[in-house]
N, C-alpha and C. Protein backbone atom coordinates (compact mmCIF):
# COMPACT_ATOMS: atom_id res chain seq x y z
N MET A 1 -24.79 60.38 21.18
CA MET A 1 -23.54 59.07 20.43
C MET A 1 -24.27 58.23 19.89
N ASP A 2 -23.48 57.53 19.10
CA ASP A 2 -23.86 56.17 18.66
C ASP A 2 -23.53 55.44 18.79
N MET A 3 -24.31 54.46 18.84
CA MET A 3 -23.03 53.00 19.17
C MET A 3 -22.45 51.93 18.26
N ALA A 4 -21.43 51.93 18.43
CA ALA A 4 -20.79 50.95 17.61
C ALA A 4 -21.20 49.78 17.33
N GLU A 5 -21.26 49.44 15.52
CA GLU A 5 -22.25 48.58 14.56
C GLU A 5 -21.23 47.89 14.79
N GLU A 6 -21.84 46.68 14.70
CA GLU A 6 -20.83 45.35 15.47
C GLU A 6 -21.51 44.92 13.25
N ILE A 7 -20.74 44.08 12.54
CA ILE A 7 -20.75 43.56 11.76
C ILE A 7 -20.43 42.30 11.66
N ARG A 8 -21.27 41.21 10.91
CA ARG A 8 -20.93 39.79 11.66
C ARG A 8 -21.14 39.13 9.96
N ALA A 9 -20.75 37.89 9.77
CA ALA A 9 -20.75 37.17 8.95
C ALA A 9 -22.31 36.42 8.77
N GLU A 10 -22.77 36.58 7.46
CA GLU A 10 -24.33 35.98 7.37
C GLU A 10 -23.88 34.47 6.89
N MET A 11 -22.88 34.06 6.66
CA MET A 11 -23.14 32.53 6.08
C MET A 11 -21.09 31.87 6.85
N VAL A 12 -21.42 30.51 6.28
CA VAL A 12 -19.96 30.34 6.46
C VAL A 12 -19.05 30.79 4.86
N ALA A 13 -17.80 31.39 5.46
CA ALA A 13 -17.07 31.60 3.95
C ALA A 13 -15.73 31.89 4.19
N ASN A 14 -14.97 31.81 3.48
CA ASN A 14 -13.01 32.29 3.95
C ASN A 14 -13.27 33.59 3.24
N VAL A 15 -12.15 34.29 4.45
CA VAL A 15 -11.96 35.64 4.33
C VAL A 15 -11.06 35.75 3.03
N TRP A 16 -11.44 36.15 2.03
CA TRP A 16 -11.00 36.28 0.55
C TRP A 16 -9.83 37.51 0.64
N LYS A 17 -10.27 38.65 1.07
CA LYS A 17 -9.77 39.75 0.99
C LYS A 17 -9.77 40.96 2.12
N VAL A 18 -9.11 41.45 2.59
CA VAL A 18 -9.31 42.20 3.96
C VAL A 18 -9.07 43.71 2.68
N VAL A 19 -10.37 44.90 2.66
CA VAL A 19 -10.41 45.91 2.37
C VAL A 19 -10.05 46.97 3.25
N ALA A 20 -10.95 47.54 3.99
CA ALA A 20 -10.51 48.20 5.11
C ALA A 20 -9.26 48.21 5.90
N SER A 21 -8.75 49.07 7.18
CA SER A 21 -8.06 48.85 8.04
C SER A 21 -8.67 49.56 9.06
N THR A 22 -8.04 48.99 10.41
CA THR A 22 -8.43 49.66 11.61
C THR A 22 -8.39 51.59 11.68
N GLY A 23 -9.07 52.08 11.88
CA GLY A 23 -9.15 53.65 11.94
C GLY A 23 -8.95 54.37 10.49
N ASP A 24 -9.66 53.49 9.72
CA ASP A 24 -10.37 53.65 8.37
C ASP A 24 -11.66 54.77 8.48
N THR A 25 -11.66 55.46 8.44
CA THR A 25 -13.10 56.37 8.12
C THR A 25 -13.81 56.04 6.22
N VAL A 26 -15.40 55.22 7.15
CA VAL A 26 -15.72 53.94 5.65
C VAL A 26 -16.83 55.23 6.11
N SER A 27 -17.42 54.76 5.02
CA SER A 27 -18.79 55.71 4.53
C SER A 27 -20.00 54.42 4.28
N GLU A 28 -21.31 54.63 4.84
CA GLU A 28 -22.24 53.37 4.13
C GLU A 28 -22.06 53.07 2.49
N GLY A 29 -21.83 51.64 3.03
CA GLY A 29 -21.92 51.13 1.40
C GLY A 29 -20.38 50.77 0.89
N ASP A 30 -19.33 50.99 2.07
CA ASP A 30 -17.77 50.60 1.28
C ASP A 30 -17.71 49.15 1.36
N THR A 31 -16.57 48.84 0.42
CA THR A 31 -17.02 47.54 0.99
C THR A 31 -15.41 47.55 1.99
N LEU A 32 -15.18 46.16 3.06
CA LEU A 32 -14.99 46.72 4.43
C LEU A 32 -13.49 44.94 3.83
N VAL A 33 -14.72 44.31 3.55
CA VAL A 33 -14.24 42.67 3.50
C VAL A 33 -14.56 41.49 2.00
N ILE A 34 -13.95 41.08 1.51
CA ILE A 34 -14.87 40.19 0.22
C ILE A 34 -14.72 38.97 0.89
N LEU A 35 -15.39 38.32 1.24
CA LEU A 35 -15.78 36.61 1.22
C LEU A 35 -15.51 35.97 0.04
N GLU A 36 -15.41 34.66 0.43
CA GLU A 36 -15.38 34.09 -1.22
C GLU A 36 -16.34 32.21 -0.12
N SER A 37 -17.30 32.21 -1.26
CA SER A 37 -17.99 31.32 -0.24
C SER A 37 -18.94 30.54 -2.13
N MET A 38 -18.21 28.70 -2.26
CA MET A 38 -18.35 28.46 -3.24
C MET A 38 -18.72 29.03 -5.02
N LYS A 39 -17.69 29.85 -4.53
CA LYS A 39 -16.67 30.14 -5.79
C LYS A 39 -17.45 31.51 -5.67
N MET A 40 -18.13 31.92 -5.07
CA MET A 40 -18.82 33.22 -5.23
C MET A 40 -17.88 34.82 -4.38
N GLU A 41 -17.82 35.51 -5.06
CA GLU A 41 -17.42 36.48 -4.03
C GLU A 41 -18.46 37.46 -3.61
N ILE A 42 -18.51 37.49 -2.03
CA ILE A 42 -19.26 38.32 -1.34
C ILE A 42 -19.32 39.79 -0.77
N PRO A 43 -19.20 41.03 -0.55
CA PRO A 43 -18.65 41.98 -0.18
C PRO A 43 -19.25 42.21 0.91
N VAL A 44 -19.09 42.10 2.31
CA VAL A 44 -19.15 43.09 3.43
C VAL A 44 -19.04 44.52 3.66
N ILE A 45 -20.30 45.20 3.40
CA ILE A 45 -20.04 46.13 3.42
C ILE A 45 -20.56 47.37 4.13
N ALA A 46 -20.16 48.52 4.89
CA ALA A 46 -20.32 49.31 6.04
C ALA A 46 -22.03 49.55 6.36
N GLU A 47 -22.46 49.42 6.79
CA GLU A 47 -23.61 50.03 7.13
C GLU A 47 -24.09 50.84 7.59
N SER A 48 -22.83 51.66 7.98
CA SER A 48 -23.19 53.30 8.06
C SER A 48 -21.66 54.09 8.12
N ASP A 49 -21.85 55.28 8.49
CA ASP A 49 -20.22 56.21 8.44
C ASP A 49 -19.68 55.64 9.73
N GLY A 50 -18.31 55.86 9.71
CA GLY A 50 -17.91 55.78 10.86
C GLY A 50 -16.48 55.84 10.40
N VAL A 51 -15.62 54.76 11.68
CA VAL A 51 -14.19 54.89 12.02
C VAL A 51 -14.72 53.16 12.44
N VAL A 52 -13.29 52.60 11.09
CA VAL A 52 -13.36 50.91 11.78
C VAL A 52 -12.79 50.99 12.87
N GLN A 53 -12.87 50.60 14.22
CA GLN A 53 -12.70 50.54 15.17
C GLN A 53 -11.49 48.95 15.31
N GLN A 54 -12.76 47.87 14.77
CA GLN A 54 -12.04 46.79 14.72
C GLN A 54 -11.88 45.71 13.76
N LEU A 55 -10.92 45.34 13.00
CA LEU A 55 -11.45 44.45 12.32
C LEU A 55 -10.83 42.96 12.68
N ALA A 56 -11.68 42.19 12.64
CA ALA A 56 -11.87 41.23 13.63
C ALA A 56 -10.83 39.64 12.81
N VAL A 57 -11.15 39.54 11.44
CA VAL A 57 -10.56 38.65 10.60
C VAL A 57 -9.55 39.23 9.73
N ASN A 58 -8.67 38.05 8.85
CA ASN A 58 -7.39 38.68 8.43
C ASN A 58 -7.72 37.80 7.70
N GLU A 59 -6.68 37.91 6.03
CA GLU A 59 -7.04 36.88 4.42
C GLU A 59 -6.37 35.80 4.87
N GLY A 60 -7.53 34.86 3.99
CA GLY A 60 -7.54 33.51 4.56
C GLY A 60 -7.73 33.00 5.51
N ASP A 61 -8.68 33.60 6.68
CA ASP A 61 -9.82 32.85 8.33
C ASP A 61 -10.84 32.27 7.05
N VAL A 62 -11.41 31.81 7.89
CA VAL A 62 -13.06 30.50 7.39
C VAL A 62 -13.47 31.62 8.70
N VAL A 63 -14.92 32.11 8.47
CA VAL A 63 -15.88 32.72 9.48
C VAL A 63 -16.76 31.79 9.50
N GLN A 64 -17.96 31.43 10.13
CA GLN A 64 -18.70 31.28 10.44
C GLN A 64 -20.01 31.96 10.64
N ASP A 65 -21.50 31.20 10.12
CA ASP A 65 -22.52 32.31 10.56
C ASP A 65 -22.06 32.79 12.33
N GLY A 66 -22.29 34.06 12.33
CA GLY A 66 -22.45 35.28 13.26
C GLY A 66 -20.88 35.43 13.51
N ASP A 67 -20.14 35.02 13.17
CA ASP A 67 -18.55 35.25 13.51
C ASP A 67 -18.47 37.09 13.18
N LEU A 68 -17.99 37.85 14.49
CA LEU A 68 -17.35 39.41 14.24
C LEU A 68 -16.74 39.06 12.78
N ILE A 69 -17.15 40.56 12.23
CA ILE A 69 -16.23 40.46 10.97
C ILE A 69 -15.28 41.74 11.55
N ALA A 70 -15.99 42.79 11.65
CA ALA A 70 -15.58 44.15 12.25
C ALA A 70 -16.75 45.20 13.29
N VAL A 71 -15.50 46.15 13.85
CA VAL A 71 -16.76 47.16 14.50
C VAL A 71 -16.81 48.35 13.80
N ILE A 72 -17.23 49.15 13.94
CA ILE A 72 -17.40 50.67 13.00
C ILE A 72 -17.99 51.44 14.14
N GLY A 73 -17.62 52.36 14.77
CA GLY A 73 -17.88 53.45 15.30
C GLY A 73 -17.99 54.71 14.70
C-alpha cells in the first residue's frame, strides 16, 4: 500500500485556480492547482498517480512556503 503523498507549496503565492477536486483520480503530471506569484502562473502538479484525498486550499488563498496544498493517496 502506497503512502499518501502530501503536496506542499514551495513559495509564498496566491492560489489563482483550483483545477482538481477531492475524489478526482489524477495521473503523474496532472495539474492540481495553479498558483500566482509575481505575475507568474505556477502549476502545482501531481507527482504520482492516485486519488485526491484532500485539497487544503481554495481560490484566493495565500499559501506560505511549506503549506499543505493537497494529499494524493
